[in-house]
Amino acid sequence: MKRAPIVLSLVVALLLAACGTRLTDQEFAELSTEGGSGAPVGEDGEVAEGATDGDAGAEAGGDGTAGGTTGGTGGGTATGGGTTTGGATGGGTGGAAGPNQASDVGITEDQIVLGNITAETGVLGDAFAPAARGMRAWTAWINAQGGINGREVVLKTCDDGEVRNKALECAKRLVEQDKAFAIVGANTRAMGGAAQYLHDQGIPVMGFPITNSYHRYPHFWSIYPFGYPRDGKTVGIDGQLAWSTAIYRWFKDNLGVTKAAVFQYNIAESSQAGQAFAQGLKEEGFTVRTFEVSFAAPSFDQAVATMQQEGIQIIFDSMDDGANRKLCDAMSRRRFSVPAKVSTSVSFGEKVGTTYNDTCRNSVFIPGSTIPYTETGVAAVKQFRDAYARYQPGKEVHQWAFESWLQGQLVAEGIAKMGPAPTRKGLEEFLGGLEGHDLGGTHLGIDYTRRDPPVSSCTVIARWQDDRGGWVRATEQFPQCYDDAKHYLTPAAEQGN
């Protein structure tokens, strides 16, 4: 049975997805040759602010340099040796059926240009930056293996600073100047400023659904797939988003909690998610207290006092990591704790171990659609961790970095399957034809086919535990599914443009 995923928040989030796969864990992890070396790559940031500057990326020497913060070439050799597994990389200058061709925008005989739009700076600091770092690590790594069917990957990144007009500037530069074949690993809450333009240009965009662009436009492909029509006209289903109560069921059954609080910002994306959380909790029999806080200056002391008085047992939020730390500090001041503080993927990184206080840290849970980046017993996870340590040394390991790496792998697989003449149309046909692809045992399932309901009732939930070294999987099964969970719709608060 095919299952589809679900997203529950401003900053990506609480998802439900599918079972099944196309490749074994080992096959997905060995999409490329074992050859190649590659030198460590950092985020230089000294090049032009914003978009890439052609060859401006710093080449650290050796095979597989990915460029600096603002882009640059992918380094690496285009004629990697060895054999391939899964057909994605290596294999010299020829494709599966003859010599490589300059077959589409951004595709030459020996290069593939990919773009990335990520808010690496902005009002929320570097909250979204892990996605770009993951793409840089993936680019360096795949080029060290010989590229994709012998083509070097050239990554062009652009920082939109969380500003809509800058997102549009990034999109135009990547499309018109850099001639990007596709945009991969995009992560910004300003994507609405560029969405209509990118759709009109017919460029495939794969990324994190911070905005509803991914639930509206057919050329937008969320790493957390839905079965929405994506007709380019309306978000979701006639302007409504679909949800499942599976996540709330798990917390109720496993922690015995029934009194919940939901925190949301006073901005459309956040309130949209917060209202959906509250409705899903009520569907599962929770009593719910909702708190709306200022995006510009969040304050939590009064809210914490109210939660303490009302005996709140579990907290959900659609806020960024900085606000969550402030909430934890307010809880610490009043000596108030809960069995579970449920955050979103924006907090799913190593910093929780050093920036969250003792009151909160070991009660942080994060639902999602991929296994934790700490599960190195899975070959695809270990491959990412080894490459990230080499090509992004000193950078925080984060789930978004892992998930952008997976996006690179998925796009590489689609390109490789087209042999010597990849096209944008062919890539989108590949993505649209996926049915439960689990990305080497790491994902609940990639499936973009239209369904009713467009979401299912599967999830994976991680939690932080000091005594187990950090993030661990809380859900016993992968995926954790509730076929009798309830489905419901909520209005879309913004239209993805």
Protein backbone atom coordinates (compact mmCIF):
# COMPACT_ATOMS: atom_id res chain seq x y z
CA MET A 1 0.00 0.00 0.00
CA LYS A 2 1.37 3.41 -0.98
CA ARG A 3 1.46 6.05 1.68
CA ALA A 4 2.02 9.77 1.25
CA PRO A 5 3.71 12.25 3.56
CA ILE A 6 2.44 15.24 5.49
CA VAL A 7 4.07 18.50 6.58
CA LEU A 8 2.91 20.20 9.75
CA SER A 9 4.79 23.45 10.21
CA LEU A 10 6.34 26.77 9.34
CA VAL A 11 9.81 25.40 9.34
CA VAL A 12 9.14 22.13 7.80
CA ALA A 13 8.07 19.72 9.96
CA LEU A 14 5.78 17.21 11.27
CA LEU A 15 5.29 14.80 8.41
CA LEU A 16 3.72 11.56 7.51
CA ALA A 17 4.85 9.44 4.59
CA ALA A 18 5.13 6.24 2.63
CA CYS A 19 6.50 2.76 2.76
CA GLY A 20 8.44 0.94 0.03
CA THR A 21 11.60 1.52 -1.99
CA ARG A 22 13.28 1.29 -5.35
CA LEU A 23 16.81 0.73 -4.18
CA THR A 24 18.24 -1.24 -1.27
CA ASP A 25 20.00 0.70 1.48
CA GLN A 26 23.38 -0.34 0.14
CA GLU A 27 22.52 0.49 -3.46
CA PHE A 28 21.40 3.98 -2.54
CA ALA A 29 24.50 4.53 -0.43
CA GLU A 30 26.70 3.37 -3.30
CA LEU A 31 25.20 5.56 -6.00
CA SER A 32 28.76 6.45 -6.97
CA THR A 33 32.20 4.96 -7.20
CA GLU A 34 34.41 4.58 -4.19
CA GLY A 35 37.26 6.36 -6.00
CA GLY A 36 38.20 10.02 -5.74
CA SER A 37 39.65 11.97 -2.87
CA GLY A 38 38.35 15.49 -2.36
CA ALA A 39 39.61 18.21 -0.10
CA PRO A 40 37.76 19.82 2.82
CA VAL A 41 35.46 22.64 1.80
CA GLY A 42 34.24 25.49 3.99
CA GLU A 43 31.75 28.33 3.68
CA ASP A 44 34.01 31.13 2.55
CA GLY A 45 31.61 34.04 2.61
CA GLU A 46 34.30 36.39 1.32
CA VAL A 47 32.97 36.32 -2.19
CA ALA A 48 30.08 38.55 -3.27
CA GLU A 49 27.19 38.68 -0.87
CA GLY A 50 24.04 36.98 -2.17
CA ALA A 51 24.33 34.98 -5.35
CA THR A 52 27.30 33.13 -6.76
CA ASP A 53 30.00 34.83 -8.76
CA GLY A 54 30.72 32.22 -11.39
CA ASP A 55 34.12 30.82 -10.54
CA ALA A 56 34.29 32.73 -7.25
CA GLY A 57 34.07 29.64 -5.05
CA ALA A 58 37.26 28.77 -3.24
CA GLU A 59 38.95 25.69 -4.63
CA ALA A 60 40.62 23.94 -1.74
CA GLY A 61 42.73 21.70 -3.94
CA GLY A 62 42.36 18.02 -4.75
CA ASP A 63 39.25 16.45 -6.22
CA GLY A 64 35.80 17.55 -5.20
CA THR A 65 35.85 21.10 -3.93
CA ALA A 66 32.37 22.54 -3.76
CA GLY A 67 33.02 26.26 -3.70
CA GLY A 68 32.50 28.89 -1.05
CA THR A 69 29.46 30.26 0.67
CA THR A 70 28.27 32.06 -2.41
CA GLY A 71 28.78 29.22 -4.81
CA GLY A 72 31.55 28.45 -7.25
CA THR A 73 32.48 25.29 -9.08
CA GLY A 74 32.18 21.79 -7.80
CA GLY A 75 35.80 20.85 -8.35
CA GLY A 76 36.34 17.14 -8.70
CA THR A 77 37.12 15.20 -11.83
CA ALA A 78 34.59 14.64 -14.57
CA THR A 79 35.98 11.31 -15.66
CA GLY A 80 35.81 9.30 -12.46
CA GLY A 81 37.00 5.75 -12.67
CA GLY A 82 35.64 2.56 -11.22
CA THR A 83 32.23 1.03 -11.60
CA THR A 84 28.90 2.44 -10.56
CA THR A 85 26.09 1.04 -8.49
CA GLY A 86 22.69 2.55 -9.17
CA GLY A 87 24.00 4.28 -12.30
CA ALA A 88 24.37 7.75 -10.81
CA THR A 89 28.05 8.61 -10.92
CA GLY A 90 31.49 7.87 -12.24
CA GLY A 91 31.93 6.01 -15.48
CA GLY A 92 34.13 8.32 -17.57
CA THR A 93 32.95 10.84 -20.14
CA GLY A 94 30.25 8.75 -21.78
CA GLY A 95 26.73 8.05 -20.53
CA ALA A 96 24.90 4.74 -20.60
CA ALA A 97 24.08 4.96 -24.33
CA GLY A 98 26.86 6.98 -25.91
CA PRO A 99 28.81 10.18 -25.36
CA ASN A 100 27.35 12.91 -23.16
CA GLN A 101 25.42 15.66 -24.92
CA ALA A 102 24.62 19.31 -24.22
CA SER A 103 20.99 18.32 -23.84
CA ASP A 104 19.28 21.11 -21.90
CA VAL A 105 19.85 24.36 -20.02
CA GLY A 106 22.69 23.84 -17.56
CA ILE A 107 23.77 20.54 -19.13
CA THR A 108 26.97 20.34 -21.19
CA GLU A 109 29.04 17.37 -22.20
CA ASP A 110 31.04 17.60 -18.98
CA GLN A 111 29.08 19.73 -16.48
CA ILE A 112 25.72 19.99 -14.74
CA VAL A 113 24.86 23.35 -13.14
CA LEU A 114 22.58 23.19 -10.10
CA GLY A 115 21.30 26.17 -8.14
CA ASN A 116 20.33 26.65 -4.52
CA ILE A 117 18.37 29.44 -2.80
CA THR A 118 18.75 29.39 0.98
CA ALA A 119 18.34 32.09 3.60
CA GLU A 120 21.79 31.73 5.12
CA THR A 121 21.37 35.10 6.82
CA GLY A 122 18.37 37.14 7.87
CA VAL A 123 16.22 38.03 10.83
CA LEU A 124 16.42 34.42 12.02
CA GLY A 125 20.20 34.34 11.66
CA ASP A 126 21.55 31.17 10.07
CA ALA A 127 18.53 29.03 10.97
CA PHE A 128 18.03 27.87 7.37
CA ALA A 129 21.73 27.63 6.46
CA PRO A 130 22.22 23.87 7.10
CA ALA A 131 20.45 23.13 3.81
CA ALA A 132 23.10 24.98 1.78
CA ARG A 133 25.88 23.34 3.77
CA GLY A 134 24.47 19.91 3.04
CA MET A 135 24.36 20.74 -0.68
CA ARG A 136 27.99 21.90 -0.62
CA ALA A 137 29.08 18.68 1.07
CA TRP A 138 27.10 16.59 -1.43
CA THR A 139 28.54 18.48 -4.42
CA ALA A 140 32.11 18.01 -3.24
CA TRP A 141 31.51 14.36 -2.47
CA ILE A 142 29.81 13.43 -5.73
CA ASN A 143 32.47 15.20 -7.77
CA ALA A 144 35.14 13.30 -5.88
CA GLN A 145 33.40 10.15 -7.12
CA GLY A 146 33.44 11.29 -10.74
CA GLY A 147 30.29 13.39 -10.92
CA ILE A 148 27.03 12.21 -12.48
CA ASN A 149 27.66 9.97 -15.47
CA GLY A 150 31.03 11.66 -15.80
CA ARG A 151 29.68 15.21 -15.57
CA GLU A 152 31.05 17.55 -12.91
CA VAL A 153 28.37 19.15 -10.73
CA VAL A 154 28.71 22.93 -10.47
CA LEU A 155 26.74 24.32 -7.53
CA LYS A 156 25.60 27.95 -7.54
CA THR A 157 24.18 29.12 -4.22
CA CYS A 158 22.33 32.34 -3.40
CA ASP A 159 21.48 33.79 0.02
CA ASP A 160 18.16 35.68 -0.11
CA GLY A 161 18.38 36.88 3.50
CA GLU A 162 14.71 35.89 4.07
CA VAL A 163 13.64 38.78 1.81
CA ARG A 164 11.11 38.22 -0.98
CA ASN A 165 12.60 40.59 -3.55
CA LYS A 166 16.05 39.14 -2.92
CA ALA A 167 14.62 35.65 -3.46
CA LEU A 168 13.41 36.83 -6.86
CA GLU A 169 16.83 38.34 -7.62
CA CYS A 170 18.42 35.02 -6.69
CA ALA A 171 16.03 33.11 -8.93
CA LYS A 172 16.66 35.40 -11.92
CA ARG A 173 20.41 35.20 -11.53
CA LEU A 174 20.41 31.43 -11.20
CA VAL A 175 18.10 31.00 -14.18
CA GLU A 176 19.22 33.76 -16.55
CA GLN A 177 22.90 34.20 -15.74
CA ASP A 178 24.07 30.93 -14.21
CA LYS A 179 21.80 28.79 -16.42
CA ALA A 180 20.97 26.35 -13.64
CA PHE A 181 19.42 23.08 -14.76
CA ALA A 182 17.45 22.76 -11.49
CA ILE A 183 17.34 24.27 -8.02
CA VAL A 184 17.99 21.74 -5.28
CA GLY A 185 17.93 21.93 -1.47
CA ALA A 186 16.15 25.31 -1.40
CA ASN A 187 15.32 26.50 2.10
CA THR A 188 13.85 29.96 2.71
CA ARG A 189 10.68 31.48 4.06
CA ALA A 190 10.91 34.09 1.26
CA MET A 191 10.41 31.59 -1.58
CA GLY A 192 7.00 33.10 -2.36
CA GLY A 193 8.81 36.07 -3.89
CA ALA A 194 10.37 33.83 -6.54
CA ALA A 195 7.85 31.01 -6.90
CA GLN A 196 5.73 32.34 -9.75
CA TYR A 197 8.83 33.31 -11.74
CA LEU A 198 10.47 29.92 -11.25
CA HIS A 199 7.26 28.16 -12.20
CA ASP A 200 6.89 30.27 -15.34
CA GLN A 201 10.48 29.44 -16.30
CA GLY A 202 9.74 25.72 -16.00
CA ILE A 203 12.74 25.06 -13.78
CA PRO A 204 12.48 22.10 -11.38
CA VAL A 205 12.73 23.26 -7.74
CA MET A 206 13.31 20.71 -4.99
CA GLY A 207 13.43 21.92 -1.43
CA PHE A 208 11.92 22.36 2.00
CA PRO A 209 8.25 23.48 2.08
CA ILE A 210 8.63 26.51 4.33
CA THR A 211 6.01 28.24 2.17
CA ASN A 212 3.00 26.86 0.32
CA SER A 213 4.76 27.20 -3.04
CA TYR A 214 5.45 23.47 -2.86
CA HIS A 215 1.74 22.76 -2.43
CA ARG A 216 0.73 24.86 -5.45
CA TYR A 217 3.18 24.75 -8.36
CA PRO A 218 3.82 21.65 -10.51
CA HIS A 219 7.53 22.45 -10.91
CA PHE A 220 8.02 22.53 -7.10
CA TRP A 221 8.97 19.24 -5.46
CA SER A 222 8.95 19.06 -1.66
CA ILE A 223 11.34 16.70 0.12
CA TYR A 224 8.18 15.86 2.09
CA PRO A 225 5.81 14.88 -0.75
CA PHE A 226 2.04 15.37 -0.76
CA GLY A 227 -0.65 14.07 -3.05
CA TYR A 228 -1.94 17.56 -3.89
CA PRO A 229 -2.99 18.48 -7.46
CA ARG A 230 -0.35 21.28 -7.67
CA ASP A 231 -2.15 22.88 -10.59
CA GLY A 232 -0.34 26.22 -10.23
CA LYS A 233 -3.57 28.00 -9.31
CA THR A 234 -4.51 27.02 -5.77
CA VAL A 235 -2.72 25.73 -2.70
CA GLY A 236 -3.42 22.19 -1.58
CA ILE A 237 -7.01 21.16 -2.18
CA ASP A 238 -9.07 24.20 -3.12
CA GLY A 239 -7.00 26.37 -0.79
CA GLN A 240 -6.93 23.91 2.09
CA LEU A 241 -4.10 21.82 3.53
CA ALA A 242 -4.46 18.20 4.62
CA TRP A 243 -3.25 16.77 7.92
CA SER A 244 -3.29 13.56 9.94
CA THR A 245 -3.53 13.04 13.69
CA ALA A 246 -0.93 10.25 13.79
CA ILE A 247 1.71 12.32 15.58
CA TYR A 248 -0.67 13.38 18.34
CA ARG A 249 -1.87 9.79 18.70
CA TRP A 250 1.70 8.64 19.31
CA PHE A 251 2.28 11.16 22.11
CA LYS A 252 -1.06 10.38 23.74
CA ASP A 253 -0.48 6.62 23.62
CA ASN A 254 3.19 6.62 24.62
CA LEU A 255 3.43 9.49 27.11
CA GLY A 256 -0.11 9.50 28.46
CA VAL A 257 -0.46 13.27 27.94
CA THR A 258 -3.81 15.00 27.29
CA LYS A 259 -3.26 18.70 28.08
CA ALA A 260 -1.42 20.58 25.33
CA ALA A 261 -0.18 24.07 24.56
CA VAL A 262 0.57 25.38 21.06
CA PHE A 263 2.85 28.38 20.42
CA GLN A 264 2.71 30.28 17.14
CA TYR A 265 4.00 33.58 15.78
CA ASN A 266 1.68 36.34 14.64
CA ILE A 267 2.64 35.80 10.98
CA ALA A 268 0.74 33.82 8.36
CA GLU A 269 3.06 30.82 7.94
CA SER A 270 3.35 30.23 11.66
CA SER A 271 -0.28 30.77 12.59
CA GLN A 272 -1.32 28.47 9.73
CA ALA A 273 0.74 25.66 11.25
CA GLY A 274 -0.20 26.45 14.85
CA GLN A 275 -3.91 26.33 14.08
CA ALA A 276 -3.46 22.99 12.34
CA PHE A 277 -1.57 21.58 15.33
CA ALA A 278 -4.32 22.71 17.68
CA GLN A 279 -7.08 21.17 15.56
CA GLY A 280 -5.25 17.85 15.26
CA LEU A 281 -4.69 17.71 19.02
CA LYS A 282 -8.38 18.35 19.64
CA GLU A 283 -9.29 15.60 17.17
CA GLU A 284 -7.31 13.21 19.36
CA GLY A 285 -9.05 14.35 22.54
CA PHE A 286 -6.49 16.82 23.91
CA THR A 287 -7.49 20.01 25.65
CA VAL A 288 -5.52 22.79 23.98
CA ARG A 289 -4.30 26.24 25.01
CA THR A 290 -2.97 28.38 22.12
CA PHE A 291 -0.46 31.20 22.59
CA GLU A 292 0.34 33.70 19.84
CA VAL A 293 3.59 35.60 20.33
CA SER A 294 5.20 38.52 18.54
CA PHE A 295 7.52 37.54 15.71
CA ALA A 296 9.53 40.71 16.27
CA ALA A 297 9.87 40.38 20.05
CA PRO A 298 8.65 37.05 21.45
CA SER A 299 8.02 36.94 25.20
CA PHE A 300 7.06 33.84 27.17
CA ASP A 301 6.98 34.48 30.94
CA GLN A 302 3.24 35.08 31.20
CA ALA A 303 2.49 32.12 28.94
CA VAL A 304 4.65 29.84 31.09
CA ALA A 305 2.84 30.99 34.23
CA THR A 306 -0.49 30.15 32.56
CA MET A 307 0.74 26.71 31.49
CA GLN A 308 1.92 26.03 35.01
CA GLN A 309 -1.45 26.97 36.45
CA GLU A 310 -3.36 24.85 33.93
CA GLY A 311 -1.17 21.77 34.23
CA ILE A 312 0.01 21.67 30.60
CA GLN A 313 1.80 18.38 29.83
CA ILE A 314 3.02 18.80 26.26
CA ILE A 315 4.04 21.82 24.14
CA PHE A 316 3.96 22.13 20.34
CA ASP A 317 5.26 25.13 18.42
CA SER A 318 5.67 26.61 14.95
CA MET A 319 8.54 28.94 15.86
CA ASP A 320 12.26 29.10 15.12
CA ASP A 321 15.02 27.71 17.31
CA GLY A 322 15.88 31.04 18.94
CA ALA A 323 12.32 31.50 20.19
CA ASN A 324 12.33 27.95 21.51
CA ARG A 325 15.43 28.66 23.55
CA LYS A 326 13.74 31.77 25.00
CA LEU A 327 10.69 29.68 25.87
CA CYS A 328 12.95 27.15 27.60
CA ASP A 329 14.65 29.93 29.56
CA ALA A 330 11.25 31.20 30.73
CA MET A 331 10.32 27.67 31.79
CA SER A 332 13.56 27.37 33.71
CA ARG A 333 12.94 30.63 35.56
CA ARG A 334 9.61 29.28 36.83
CA ARG A 335 10.94 25.74 37.32
CA PHE A 336 8.30 24.40 34.96
CA SER A 337 8.93 21.33 32.81
CA VAL A 338 6.88 19.01 30.62
CA PRO A 339 7.37 15.41 29.46
CA ALA A 340 7.51 16.55 25.84
CA LYS A 341 8.34 19.82 24.12
CA VAL A 342 7.64 19.14 20.44
CA SER A 343 9.60 21.34 18.06
CA THR A 344 10.21 21.31 14.32
CA SER A 345 13.16 20.39 12.12
CA VAL A 346 14.72 23.84 12.51
CA SER A 347 15.90 22.67 15.96
CA PHE A 348 17.09 19.25 14.77
CA GLY A 349 20.83 19.80 15.15
CA GLU A 350 23.79 19.37 17.45
CA LYS A 351 23.33 22.79 19.08
CA VAL A 352 20.47 21.49 21.22
CA GLY A 353 23.10 19.80 23.37
CA THR A 354 24.80 23.09 24.20
CA THR A 355 22.18 25.83 23.84
CA TYR A 356 19.10 24.31 25.52
CA ASN A 357 18.95 24.37 29.32
CA ASP A 358 18.45 21.37 31.59
CA THR A 359 14.75 22.16 31.98
CA CYS A 360 14.02 21.54 28.31
CA ARG A 361 16.79 19.67 26.62
CA ASN A 362 15.84 16.09 27.40
CA SER A 363 12.17 16.68 26.64
CA VAL A 364 12.69 17.95 23.08
CA PHE A 365 10.96 15.78 20.45
CA ILE A 366 10.89 16.40 16.69
CA PRO A 367 8.57 14.56 14.27
CA GLY A 368 9.64 14.32 10.66
CA SER A 369 9.97 12.15 7.57
CA THR A 370 13.60 10.96 7.72
CA ILE A 371 15.55 8.94 10.24
CA PRO A 372 17.86 10.93 12.53
CA TYR A 373 21.26 11.87 11.12
CA THR A 374 22.75 9.98 14.08
CA GLU A 375 21.70 6.52 12.82
CA THR A 376 25.01 5.71 11.19
CA GLY A 377 24.18 2.01 11.13
CA VAL A 378 22.27 2.86 7.94
CA ALA A 379 24.76 3.01 5.05
CA ALA A 380 23.30 6.19 3.49
CA VAL A 381 23.51 8.04 6.81
CA LYS A 382 27.11 7.00 7.41
CA GLN A 383 28.01 8.11 3.90
CA PHE A 384 26.56 11.56 4.61
CA ARG A 385 28.26 11.88 8.00
CA ASP A 386 31.67 10.91 6.64
CA ALA A 387 31.38 13.33 3.72
CA TYR A 388 30.00 16.17 5.84
CA ALA A 389 32.87 15.85 8.31
CA ARG A 390 35.32 16.06 5.42
CA TYR A 391 33.78 18.77 3.28
CA GLN A 392 32.09 20.96 5.91
CA PRO A 393 34.50 20.60 8.83
CA GLY A 394 33.47 22.38 11.99
CA LYS A 395 29.91 23.04 10.81
CA GLU A 396 26.98 21.90 12.93
CA VAL A 397 25.55 18.56 11.85
CA HIS A 398 21.83 19.12 11.28
CA GLN A 399 18.89 17.17 9.90
CA TRP A 400 18.35 19.79 7.20
CA ALA A 401 21.92 19.25 5.99
CA PHE A 402 21.21 15.53 5.79
CA GLU A 403 17.91 16.08 3.99
CA SER A 404 19.43 18.44 1.42
CA TRP A 405 22.12 15.79 0.83
CA LEU A 406 19.29 13.31 0.16
CA GLN A 407 17.79 15.76 -2.33
CA GLY A 408 21.09 15.90 -4.17
CA GLN A 409 21.18 12.12 -4.25
CA LEU A 410 17.63 11.87 -5.55
CA VAL A 411 18.21 14.41 -8.32
CA ALA A 412 21.48 12.66 -9.24
CA GLU A 413 19.63 9.37 -9.53
CA GLY A 414 17.04 10.92 -11.85
CA ILE A 415 19.70 12.57 -14.02
CA ALA A 416 21.76 9.40 -14.22
CA LYS A 417 18.79 7.35 -15.40
CA MET A 418 18.54 9.61 -18.47
CA GLY A 419 22.02 8.62 -19.64
CA PRO A 420 23.87 10.94 -22.04
CA ALA A 421 21.03 13.45 -22.63
CA PRO A 422 19.31 14.58 -19.39
CA THR A 423 16.47 17.10 -19.61
CA ARG A 424 14.38 19.04 -17.12
CA LYS A 425 11.29 17.31 -18.45
CA GLY A 426 12.90 13.93 -17.94
CA LEU A 427 13.88 14.77 -14.36
CA GLU A 428 10.33 15.80 -13.51
CA GLU A 429 8.94 12.66 -15.15
CA PHE A 430 11.31 10.63 -12.96
CA LEU A 431 10.20 12.45 -9.81
CA GLY A 432 6.53 12.22 -10.73
CA GLY A 433 6.82 8.48 -11.27
CA LEU A 434 8.32 7.65 -7.88
CA GLU A 435 6.28 5.36 -5.64
CA GLY A 436 7.49 5.02 -2.08
CA HIS A 437 11.22 5.56 -2.76
CA ASP A 438 12.80 5.38 0.70
CA LEU A 439 16.17 6.92 -0.24
CA GLY A 440 18.29 4.06 1.01
CA GLY A 441 16.18 3.31 4.07
CA THR A 442 16.24 6.91 5.31
CA HIS A 443 12.88 8.35 4.21
CA LEU A 444 9.27 7.42 4.92
CA GLY A 445 8.65 7.47 1.19
CA ILE A 446 8.94 9.75 -1.86
CA ASP A 447 5.69 9.66 -3.84
CA TYR A 448 4.16 12.68 -5.59
CA THR A 449 1.15 10.99 -7.20
CA ARG A 450 -2.21 12.61 -6.57
CA ARG A 451 -4.20 10.91 -3.83
CA ASP A 452 -7.34 11.31 -1.74
CA PRO A 453 -6.60 11.89 1.07
CA PRO A 454 -3.26 13.40 0.04
CA VAL A 455 -1.60 12.42 3.33
CA SER A 456 -1.30 9.20 5.25
CA SER A 457 -0.70 8.43 8.87
CA CYS A 458 2.97 7.52 9.20
CA THR A 459 5.75 9.38 10.96
CA VAL A 460 9.14 9.09 12.59
CA ILE A 461 9.84 10.95 15.82
CA ALA A 462 13.27 11.77 17.25
CA ARG A 463 14.16 13.01 20.72
CA TRP A 464 17.21 14.36 22.49
CA GLN A 465 18.65 12.24 25.32
CA ASP A 466 21.87 13.21 27.08
CA ASP A 467 22.43 9.70 28.42
CA ARG A 468 22.34 8.29 24.87
CA GLY A 469 24.61 10.87 23.31
CA GLY A 470 22.04 13.17 21.68
CA TRP A 471 19.36 12.52 19.07
CA VAL A 472 17.76 9.08 19.04
CA ARG A 473 14.68 7.67 17.36
CA ALA A 474 11.73 7.66 19.77
CA THR A 475 9.32 5.74 17.54
CA GLU A 476 10.01 2.03 17.77
CA GLN A 477 9.10 1.26 14.16
CA PHE A 478 10.23 2.96 10.96
CA PRO A 479 7.82 4.13 9.78
CA GLN A 480 5.38 4.41 12.68
CA CYS A 481 1.91 4.21 11.11
CA TYR A 482 -1.65 4.59 12.40
CA ASP A 483 -4.04 3.50 9.68
CA ASP A 484 -7.02 4.58 11.80
CA ALA A 485 -5.69 8.09 12.44
CA LYS A 486 -8.03 10.93 11.54
CA HIS A 487 -7.59 13.24 8.53
CA TYR A 488 -8.69 16.85 8.41
CA LEU A 489 -8.31 20.07 6.40
CA THR A 490 -7.33 23.60 7.45
CA PRO A 491 -7.26 26.83 5.41
CA ALA A 492 -4.00 27.88 3.76
CA ALA A 493 -2.99 31.22 5.25
CA GLU A 494 -0.65 32.19 2.39
CA GLN A 495 -0.76 31.28 -1.27
CA GLY A 496 2.85 30.37 -1.96
CA ASN A 497 3.52 33.47 -4.07
